C-alpha atoms as a PDB file:
ATOM      1  CA  MET A   1      -4.933   5.829   5.456  1.00  0.00           C
ATOM      2  CA  ARG A   2      -1.155   6.743   6.026  1.00  0.00           C
ATOM      3  CA  ALA A   3       1.364   8.918   4.509  1.00  0.00           C
ATOM      4  CA  LEU A   4       3.293   7.405   1.757  1.00  0.00           C
ATOM      5  CA  SER A   5       7.253   7.218   2.292  1.00  0.00           C
ATOM      6  CA  ALA A   6       9.195   8.742  -0.670  1.00  0.00           C
ATOM      7  CA  ALA A   7       9.985   5.160  -1.932  1.00  0.00           C
ATOM      8  CA  GLU A   8       6.345   4.245  -1.884  1.00  0.00           C
ATOM      9  CA  LEU A   9       5.219   7.401  -3.411  1.00  0.00           C
ATOM     10  CA  LEU A  10       7.920   6.833  -6.224  1.00  0.00           C
ATOM     11  CA  ALA A  11       6.658   3.294  -6.905  1.00  0.00           C
ATOM     12  CA  ALA A  12       2.874   4.341  -6.812  1.00  0.00           C
ATOM     13  CA  TRP A  13       3.720   7.174  -9.277  1.00  0.00           C
ATOM     14  CA  ASP A  14       5.352   4.689 -11.280  1.00  0.00           C
ATOM     15  CA  ARG A  15       2.333   2.343 -11.558  1.00  0.00           C
ATOM     16  CA  GLY A  16       0.030   5.390 -11.902  1.00  0.00           C
ATOM     17  CA  CYS A  17       1.872   6.360 -15.009  1.00  0.00           C
ATOM     18  CA  LEU A  18       0.799   3.292 -16.856  1.00  0.00           C
ATOM     19  CA  GLU A  19      -2.916   3.972 -16.176  1.00  0.00           C
ATOM     20  CA  GLN A  20      -5.485   6.208 -17.906  1.00  0.00           C
ATOM     21  CA  PRO A  21      -5.335   9.707 -16.582  1.00  0.00           C
ATOM     22  CA  VAL A  22      -8.672   9.176 -14.415  1.00  0.00           C
ATOM     23  CA  TYR A  23      -7.156   6.067 -12.667  1.00  0.00           C
ATOM     24  CA  ARG A  24      -3.503   7.609 -12.020  1.00  0.00           C
ATOM     25  CA  PRO A  25      -4.694   9.199  -8.735  1.00  0.00           C
ATOM     26  CA  LEU A  26      -6.127   5.980  -7.501  1.00  0.00           C
ATOM     27  CA  ALA A  27      -2.779   4.169  -7.905  1.00  0.00           C
ATOM     28  CA  LEU A  28      -1.623   6.683  -4.996  1.00  0.00           C
ATOM     29  CA  LEU A  29      -4.710   6.051  -2.938  1.00  0.00           C
ATOM     30  CA  ALA A  30      -4.338   2.105  -3.172  1.00  0.00           C
ATOM     31  CA  ALA A  31      -0.756   2.403  -2.009  1.00  0.00           C
ATOM     32  CA  SER A  32      -1.897   4.550   1.022  1.00  0.00           C
ATOM     33  CA  CYS A  33      -5.184   2.558   1.776  1.00  0.00           C
ATOM     34  CA  ASP A  34      -3.933  -0.756   0.914  1.00  0.00           C
ATOM     35  CA  GLU A  35      -7.024  -1.315  -1.133  1.00  0.00           C
ATOM     36  CA  PRO A  36      -7.417  -2.506  -4.592  1.00  0.00           C
ATOM     37  CA  VAL A  37      -7.798   0.007  -7.366  1.00  0.00           C
ATOM     38  CA  ALA A  38     -10.944  -1.389  -8.510  1.00  0.00           C
ATOM     39  CA  ASN A  39     -12.503  -0.986  -5.262  1.00  0.00           C
ATOM     40  CA  LEU A  40     -11.485   2.597  -5.000  1.00  0.00           C
ATOM     41  CA  ALA A  41     -12.744   3.090  -8.555  1.00  0.00           C
ATOM     42  CA  ALA A  42     -16.306   2.279  -7.699  1.00  0.00           C
ATOM     43  CA  ALA A  43     -16.363   5.159  -4.637  1.00  0.00           C
ATOM     44  CA  SER A  44     -18.196   8.182  -5.886  1.00  0.00           C
ATOM     45  CA  LEU A  45     -15.983  11.072  -7.299  1.00  0.00           C
ATOM     46  CA  GLY A  46     -16.589  13.024  -4.149  1.00  0.00           C
ATOM     47  CA  ARG A  47     -15.634  10.198  -1.804  1.00  0.00           C
ATOM     48  CA  ARG A  48     -12.586   9.739  -3.860  1.00  0.00           C
ATOM     49  CA  ASP A  49     -11.709  13.389  -3.822  1.00  0.00           C
ATOM     50  CA  ALA A  50     -12.070  13.474  -0.161  1.00  0.00           C
ATOM     51  CA  LEU A  51      -9.742  10.515   0.172  1.00  0.00           C
ATOM     52  CA  LEU A  52      -7.195  12.132  -2.332  1.00  0.00           C
ATOM     53  CA  LEU A  53      -7.223  15.395   0.034  1.00  0.00           C
ATOM     54  CA  ALA A  54      -6.616  13.438   3.146  1.00  0.00           C
ATOM     55  CA  LEU A  55      -3.604  11.679   1.292  1.00  0.00           C
ATOM     56  CA  ARG A  56      -2.304  15.084  -0.069  1.00  0.00           C
ATOM     57  CA  GLU A  57      -2.288  16.275   3.517  1.00  0.00           C
ATOM     58  CA  HIS A  58      -0.770  13.607   5.134  1.00  0.00           C
ATOM     59  CA  THR A  59       1.869  13.131   2.555  1.00  0.00           C
ATOM     60  CA  PHE A  60       2.789  16.895   1.626  1.00  0.00           C
ATOM     61  CA  GLY A  61       1.082  19.054   4.444  1.00  0.00           C
ATOM     62  CA  PRO A  62      -2.042  21.161   4.306  1.00  0.00           C
ATOM     63  CA  TRP A  63      -0.522  24.054   1.983  1.00  0.00           C
ATOM     64  CA  LEU A  64      -1.593  24.002  -1.698  1.00  0.00           C
ATOM     65  CA  ASN A  65       0.060  26.171  -4.441  1.00  0.00           C
ATOM     66  CA  GLY A  66      -2.496  26.708  -7.266  1.00  0.00           C
ATOM     67  CA  LEU A  67      -2.131  28.542 -10.466  1.00  0.00           C
ATOM     68  CA  ALA A  68      -4.819  30.408 -12.602  1.00  0.00           C
ATOM     69  CA  THR A  69      -4.840  32.306 -15.667  1.00  0.00           C
ATOM     70  CA  CYS A  70      -7.195  35.299 -15.838  1.00  0.00           C
ATOM     71  CA  PRO A  71      -9.740  35.198 -18.651  1.00  0.00           C
ATOM     72  CA  GLY A  72      -9.893  39.194 -18.675  1.00  0.00           C
ATOM     73  CA  CYS A  73      -6.204  39.916 -19.301  1.00  0.00           C
ATOM     74  CA  ASP A  74      -4.507  36.595 -19.415  1.00  0.00           C
ATOM     75  CA  CYS A  75      -2.292  37.458 -16.357  1.00  0.00           C
ATOM     76  CA  GLU A  76      -1.073  34.264 -14.524  1.00  0.00           C
ATOM     77  CA  LEU A  77      -1.927  34.270 -10.905  1.00  0.00           C
ATOM     78  CA  GLU A  78      -0.761  32.077  -7.879  1.00  0.00           C
ATOM     79  CA  VAL A  79      -3.601  30.960  -5.786  1.00  0.00           C
ATOM     80  CA  PRO A  80      -2.473  29.994  -2.372  1.00  0.00           C
ATOM     81  CA  LEU A  81      -4.842  27.520  -0.579  1.00  0.00           C
ATOM     82  CA  THR A  82      -5.200  25.057   2.226  1.00  0.00           C
ATOM     83  CA  VAL A  83      -6.699  21.507   2.075  1.00  0.00           C
ATOM     84  CA  ASP A  84      -9.635  22.949   4.193  1.00  0.00           C
ATOM     85  CA  ASP A  85     -10.150  25.672   1.569  1.00  0.00           C
ATOM     86  CA  VAL A  86     -11.219  23.071  -0.957  1.00  0.00           C
ATOM     87  CA  ARG A  87     -12.631  20.235   1.364  1.00  0.00           C
ATOM     88  CA  VAL A  88     -16.420  20.466   1.717  1.00  0.00           C
ATOM     89  CA  PRO A  89     -17.657  20.222   5.150  1.00  0.00           C
ATOM     90  CA  GLY A  90     -19.119  16.617   5.843  1.00  0.00           C
ATOM     91  CA  SER A  91     -17.619  15.099   3.213  1.00  0.00           C
ATOM     92  CA  GLY A  92     -14.843  13.236   5.225  1.00  0.00           C
ATOM     93  CA  THR A  93     -13.084   9.990   4.462  1.00  0.00           C
ATOM     94  CA  ASP A  94     -15.374   7.869   6.998  1.00  0.00           C
ATOM     95  CA  GLN A  95     -18.417   8.910   5.202  1.00  0.00           C
ATOM     96  CA  PRO A  96     -20.527   5.802   3.555  1.00  0.00           C
ATOM     97  CA  ALA A  97     -21.169   5.703   0.073  1.00  0.00           C
ATOM     98  CA  ALA A  98     -24.320   7.133  -0.833  1.00  0.00           C
ATOM     99  CA  PRO A  99     -27.426   4.783  -2.169  1.00  0.00           C
ATOM    100  CA  LEU A 100     -29.013   5.203  -5.142  1.00  0.00           C
ATOM    101  CA  GLN A 101     -31.318   8.421  -5.254  1.00  0.00           C
ATOM    102  CA  GLN A 102     -34.836   8.068  -5.960  1.00  0.00           C
ATOM    103  CA  LEU A 103     -36.488  11.291  -7.758  1.00  0.00           C
ATOM    104  CA  VAL A 104     -39.948  11.888  -8.980  1.00  0.00           C
ATOM    105  CA  THR A 105     -40.095  14.958 -10.819  1.00  0.00           C
ATOM    106  CA  GLY A 106     -42.052  16.604 -14.055  1.00  0.00           C
ATOM    107  CA  GLY A 107     -43.995  13.384 -14.460  1.00  0.00           C
ATOM    108  CA  TYR A 108     -40.867  11.288 -14.572  1.00  0.00           C
ATOM    109  CA  GLU A 109     -39.451   8.651 -12.046  1.00  0.00           C
ATOM    110  CA  LEU A 110     -35.693   8.744 -11.868  1.00  0.00           C
ATOM    111  CA  GLU A 111     -33.258   6.342 -10.207  1.00  0.00           C
ATOM    112  CA  ILE A 112     -29.841   8.178  -9.781  1.00  0.00           C
ATOM    113  CA  ARG A 113     -26.291   6.588  -9.151  1.00  0.00           C
ATOM    114  CA  LEU A 114     -23.530   8.986  -8.250  1.00  0.00           C
ATOM    115  CA  PRO A 115     -20.850   9.038 -10.875  1.00  0.00           C
ATOM    116  CA  ASP A 116     -17.388   7.366 -10.018  1.00  0.00           C
ATOM    117  CA  SER A 117     -14.101   7.059 -11.595  1.00  0.00           C
ATOM    118  CA  ARG A 118     -15.283   4.329 -14.074  1.00  0.00           C
ATOM    119  CA  ASP A 119     -18.020   6.865 -15.349  1.00  0.00           C
ATOM    120  CA  ALA A 120     -15.290   9.763 -15.433  1.00  0.00           C
ATOM    121  CA  SER A 121     -13.129   7.344 -17.466  1.00  0.00           C
ATOM    122  CA  ALA A 122     -15.975   6.563 -20.161  1.00  0.00           C
ATOM    123  CA  ALA A 123     -16.794  10.204 -20.173  1.00  0.00           C
ATOM    124  CA  ALA A 124     -13.275  11.303 -20.657  1.00  0.00           C
ATOM    125  CA  ALA A 125     -12.760   8.490 -23.431  1.00  0.00           C
ATOM    126  CA  ALA A 126     -15.939   9.840 -25.156  1.00  0.00           C
ATOM    127  CA  THR A 127     -14.858  13.591 -25.004  1.00  0.00           C
ATOM    128  CA  ALA A 128     -11.479  12.693 -26.514  1.00  0.00           C
ATOM    129  CA  ALA A 129     -13.062  10.570 -29.452  1.00  0.00           C
ATOM    130  CA  ALA A 130     -15.501  13.534 -29.854  1.00  0.00           C
ATOM    131  CA  GLY A 131     -12.347  15.705 -30.330  1.00  0.00           C
ATOM    132  CA  SER A 132     -13.074  17.993 -27.252  1.00  0.00           C
ATOM    133  CA  ALA A 133     -10.301  19.470 -25.110  1.00  0.00           C
ATOM    134  CA  ALA A 134     -12.907  19.627 -22.125  1.00  0.00           C
ATOM    135  CA  ALA A 135     -11.656  18.112 -18.894  1.00  0.00           C
ATOM    136  CA  VAL A 136     -13.948  16.037 -16.645  1.00  0.00           C
ATOM    137  CA  ALA A 137     -13.523  17.830 -13.419  1.00  0.00           C
ATOM    138  CA  GLY A 138     -16.996  16.694 -11.260  1.00  0.00           C
ATOM    139  CA  PHE A 139     -20.171  16.420 -12.825  1.00  0.00           C
ATOM    140  CA  ALA A 140     -21.672  19.737 -13.398  1.00  0.00           C
ATOM    141  CA  ALA A 141     -18.396  21.102 -14.788  1.00  0.00           C
ATOM    142  CA  ALA A 142     -18.115  18.296 -17.479  1.00  0.00           C
ATOM    143  CA  GLY A 143     -18.312  19.071 -21.211  1.00  0.00           C
ATOM    144  CA  ALA A 144     -21.483  18.530 -23.228  1.00  0.00           C
ATOM    145  CA  THR A 145     -20.126  15.061 -24.213  1.00  0.00           C
ATOM    146  CA  ALA A 146     -19.027  14.066 -21.045  1.00  0.00           C
ATOM    147  CA  ARG A 147     -22.206  15.063 -19.273  1.00  0.00           C
ATOM    148  CA  SER A 148     -24.181  12.969 -21.708  1.00  0.00           C
ATOM    149  CA  VAL A 149     -22.338   9.913 -21.299  1.00  0.00           C
ATOM    150  CA  LEU A 150     -22.593  10.502 -17.460  1.00  0.00           C
ATOM    151  CA  LEU A 151     -26.148  10.795 -17.558  1.00  0.00           C
ATOM    152  CA  ASP A 152     -26.457   7.741 -19.799  1.00  0.00           C
ATOM    153  CA  ARG A 153     -24.452   5.784 -17.239  1.00  0.00           C
ATOM    154  CA  CYS A 154     -25.842   7.038 -13.916  1.00  0.00           C
ATOM    155  CA  VAL A 155     -29.509   8.210 -14.508  1.00  0.00           C
ATOM    156  CA  SER A 156     -32.363   5.394 -15.333  1.00  0.00           C
ATOM    157  CA  ALA A 157     -35.763   6.937 -15.999  1.00  0.00           C
ATOM    158  CA  TRP A 158     -39.264   5.915 -16.318  1.00  0.00           C
ATOM    159  CA  ASP A 159     -42.291   8.168 -17.644  1.00  0.00           C
ATOM    160  CA  GLN A 160     -45.633   7.884 -16.045  1.00  0.00           C
ATOM    161  CA  ALA A 161     -46.819   4.691 -17.956  1.00  0.00           C
ATOM    162  CA  GLY A 162     -43.558   3.073 -16.672  1.00  0.00           C
ATOM    163  CA  LYS A 163     -41.876   3.075 -20.064  1.00  0.00           C
ATOM    164  CA  PRO A 164     -38.037   3.203 -19.856  1.00  0.00           C
ATOM    165  CA  LEU A 165     -36.473   6.089 -21.306  1.00  0.00           C
ATOM    166  CA  ALA A 166     -32.811   7.277 -22.089  1.00  0.00           C
ATOM    167  CA  ALA A 167     -31.543  10.116 -20.359  1.00  0.00           C
ATOM    168  CA  ALA A 168     -31.517  11.966 -23.826  1.00  0.00           C
ATOM    169  CA  GLU A 169     -35.288  11.800 -24.000  1.00  0.00           C
ATOM    170  CA  LEU A 170     -35.648  13.575 -20.758  1.00  0.00           C
ATOM    171  CA  PRO A 171     -36.808  17.323 -20.673  1.00  0.00           C
ATOM    172  CA  ALA A 172     -34.087  19.719 -20.235  1.00  0.00           C
ATOM    173  CA  ALA A 173     -35.687  20.605 -16.817  1.00  0.00           C
ATOM    174  CA  VAL A 174     -35.943  17.084 -15.477  1.00  0.00           C
ATOM    175  CA  VAL A 175     -32.190  16.598 -16.392  1.00  0.00           C
ATOM    176  CA  GLU A 176     -30.999  19.795 -14.510  1.00  0.00           C
ATOM    177  CA  THR A 177     -33.090  18.565 -11.682  1.00  0.00           C
ATOM    178  CA  ALA A 178     -31.089  15.334 -11.731  1.00  0.00           C
ATOM    179  CA  VAL A 179     -27.729  17.084 -12.038  1.00  0.00           C
ATOM    180  CA  ALA A 180     -28.661  19.293  -8.987  1.00  0.00           C
ATOM    181  CA  CYS A 181     -29.638  15.921  -6.958  1.00  0.00           C
ATOM    182  CA  MET A 182     -26.124  14.455  -7.762  1.00  0.00           C
ATOM    183  CA  ALA A 183     -24.540  17.734  -6.692  1.00  0.00           C
ATOM    184  CA  ASP A 184     -26.378  17.982  -3.499  1.00  0.00           C
ATOM    185  CA  ALA A 185     -25.881  14.234  -2.758  1.00  0.00           C
ATOM    186  CA  ASP A 186     -21.990  14.511  -3.375  1.00  0.00           C
ATOM    187  CA  PRO A 187     -20.705  18.281  -3.287  1.00  0.00           C
ATOM    188  CA  GLN A 188     -16.963  17.293  -2.862  1.00  0.00           C
ATOM    189  CA  ALA A 189     -17.277  15.991  -6.515  1.00  0.00           C
ATOM    190  CA  ASP A 190     -17.799  19.636  -7.922  1.00  0.00           C
ATOM    191  CA  VAL A 191     -15.696  22.127  -5.871  1.00  0.00           C
ATOM    192  CA  ARG A 192     -15.309  25.824  -7.480  1.00  0.00           C
ATOM    193  CA  LEU A 193     -12.913  28.416  -6.456  1.00  0.00           C
ATOM    194  CA  GLU A 194     -13.842  32.154  -6.723  1.00  0.00           C
ATOM    195  CA  ILE A 195     -10.871  34.024  -7.896  1.00  0.00           C
ATOM    196  CA  SER A 196     -10.440  37.777  -8.456  1.00  0.00           C
ATOM    197  CA  CYS A 197      -7.637  39.288 -10.715  1.00  0.00           C
ATOM    198  CA  PRO A 198      -5.889  41.890  -8.710  1.00  0.00           C
ATOM    199  CA  SER A 199      -4.657  43.376 -12.350  1.00  0.00           C
ATOM    200  CA  CYS A 200      -7.976  43.857 -13.907  1.00  0.00           C
ATOM    201  CA  GLY A 201     -10.374  43.188 -11.318  1.00  0.00           C
ATOM    202  CA  THR A 202     -12.086  40.291 -13.374  1.00  0.00           C
ATOM    203  CA  ASP A 203     -14.137  37.792 -11.110  1.00  0.00           C
ATOM    204  CA  TRP A 204     -14.441  34.095 -12.165  1.00  0.00           C
ATOM    205  CA  GLU A 205     -14.844  30.442 -11.074  1.00  0.00           C
ATOM    206  CA  VAL A 206     -12.539  27.517 -11.664  1.00  0.00           C
ATOM    207  CA  PRO A 207     -13.252  23.858 -10.856  1.00  0.00           C
ATOM    208  CA  PHE A 208     -10.804  22.256  -8.538  1.00  0.00           C
ATOM    209  CA  ASP A 209     -10.196  18.643  -9.568  1.00  0.00           C
ATOM    210  CA  ALA A 210      -8.408  16.859  -6.492  1.00  0.00           C
ATOM    211  CA  GLY A 211      -7.112  13.900  -8.543  1.00  0.00           C
ATOM    212  CA  LEU A 212      -5.454  16.173 -11.441  1.00  0.00           C
ATOM    213  CA  PHE A 213      -4.099  18.590  -8.813  1.00  0.00           C
ATOM    214  CA  LEU A 214      -2.493  15.709  -6.571  1.00  0.00           C
ATOM    215  CA  TRP A 215      -1.183  13.919  -9.679  1.00  0.00           C
ATOM    216  CA  ALA A 216       0.398  17.067 -11.084  1.00  0.00           C
ATOM    217  CA  GLU A 217       2.291  17.415  -7.741  1.00  0.00           C
ATOM    218  CA  VAL A 218       3.260  14.118  -7.602  1.00  0.00           C
ATOM    219  CA  GLU A 219       4.556  14.093 -11.067  1.00  0.00           C
ATOM    220  CA  ALA A 220       6.586  16.956 -10.639  1.00  0.00           C
ATOM    221  CA  TRP A 221       7.950  15.949  -7.154  1.00  0.00           C
ATOM    222  CA  ALA A 222       8.788  12.435  -8.686  1.00  0.00           C
ATOM    223  CA  ARG A 223      10.808  14.117 -11.609  1.00  0.00           C
ATOM    224  CA  ARG A 224      12.800  16.278  -8.922  1.00  0.00           C
ATOM    225  CA  THR A 225      13.514  13.248  -6.648  1.00  0.00           C
ATOM    226  CA  LEU A 226      14.778  10.993  -9.693  1.00  0.00           C
ATOM    227  CA  LEU A 227      17.131  13.861 -10.378  1.00  0.00           C
ATOM    228  CA  GLU A 228      18.451  13.938  -6.903  1.00  0.00           C
ATOM    229  CA  VAL A 229      18.834  10.148  -6.816  1.00  0.00           C
ATOM    230  CA  HIS A 230      20.486  10.465 -10.133  1.00  0.00           C
ATOM    231  CA  GLN A 231      23.107  13.052  -8.885  1.00  0.00           C
ATOM    232  CA  LEU A 232      23.723  11.512  -5.566  1.00  0.00           C
ATOM    233  CA  ALA A 233      24.245   7.989  -7.121  1.00  0.00           C
ATOM    234  CA  ALA A 234      26.778   9.483  -9.396  1.00  0.00           C
ATOM    235  CA  ALA A 235      28.460  11.371  -6.518  1.00  0.00           C
ATOM    236  CA  TYR A 236      28.385   8.459  -4.176  1.00  0.00           C
ATOM    237  CA  SER A 237      27.489   5.366  -5.660  1.00  0.00           C
ATOM    238  CA  TRP A 238      24.571   5.060  -3.708  1.00  0.00           C
ATOM    239  CA  SER A 239      21.289   2.993  -4.654  1.00  0.00           C
ATOM    240  CA  GLU A 240      18.325   4.607  -5.261  1.00  0.00           C
ATOM    241  CA  ALA A 241      16.880   3.008  -1.845  1.00  0.00           C
ATOM    242  CA  GLU A 242      19.780   4.514  -0.129  1.00  0.00           C
ATOM    243  CA  VAL A 243      19.213   7.822  -1.589  1.00  0.00           C
ATOM    244  CA  LEU A 244      15.346   7.921  -0.631  1.00  0.00           C
ATOM    245  CA  ALA A 245      16.128   6.624   2.748  1.00  0.00           C
ATOM    246  CA  LEU A 246      17.882   9.951   3.578  1.00  0.00           C
ATOM    247  CA  GLY A 247      14.747  12.148   3.544  1.00  0.00           C
ATOM    248  CA  PRO A 248      14.626  15.542   1.611  1.00  0.00           C
ATOM    249  CA  ARG A 249      16.732  17.596   3.935  1.00  0.00           C
ATOM    250  CA  ARG A 250      19.856  15.405   4.121  1.00  0.00           C
ATOM    251  CA  ARG A 251      19.405  14.672   0.359  1.00  0.00           C
ATOM    252  CA  GLN A 252      19.544  18.328  -0.258  1.00  0.00           C
ATOM    253  CA  ALA A 253      22.697  18.649   2.094  1.00  0.00           C
ATOM    254  CA  TYR A 254      24.549  15.964   0.404  1.00  0.00           C
ATOM    255  CA  LEU A 255      23.752  17.562  -3.000  1.00  0.00           C
ATOM    256  CA  GLU A 256      25.270  20.800  -1.775  1.00  0.00           C
ATOM    257  CA  LEU A 257      28.263  18.975  -0.345  1.00  0.00           C
ATOM    258  CA  SER A 258      28.670  17.143  -3.840  1.00  0.00           C
ATOM    259  CA  GLY A 259      28.373  20.215  -5.662  1.00  0.00           C
ATOM    260  CA  ALA A 260      25.636  19.081  -7.707  1.00  0.00           C
END
């Protein structure tokens, strides 16, 4: 993995805009890793997020600026973080893909596969079709519809007689055990931040989705960069490639000199 230049990042953003939301961050990874999106989509969500955090650190640095709305007083809070604050120890980019998990619990035999971006995309589509605004931000944080889709896709089950069962036929306790098994095997997939409001004292947790966070940052960066290209091209008749080759500090200096 390597940091992306301004031109590479802008091209990856351009390609990602054509993708479904779940696949957009993978366009950034594909540019950095020189690996097809299809291969990256098959990585577990936790491994994907570990790669995205590494890419974010290489490209923009370790400091993150988050925002959260207090559920107690609706106050909007700035949440300063570092990449290490949301990186789960042991979930590095060099970790191999986890194998299928075999589990016997409550008289049922389960085979569990860790959810990947293909599963998250299917869950997001089902959620949208159900008219829910819930976001897929890790398995345990998914809404009811998304959770059902992920279970159907990732869990194979048999009863004591060896009869295959759908995930929906399993007792709630068995399902919760399966969910806990997934979370233990892929902890980076469900990172939660503990936040306390300084105004009203409310404490709560929010999920952190590395893909959504990085794509939002890249989207904002791309819009700012395109504006800079437009202004400098108008002032100096430079091409996009010439403007991007300047680097951010020199672009800003020229913008000030041109009065833009």
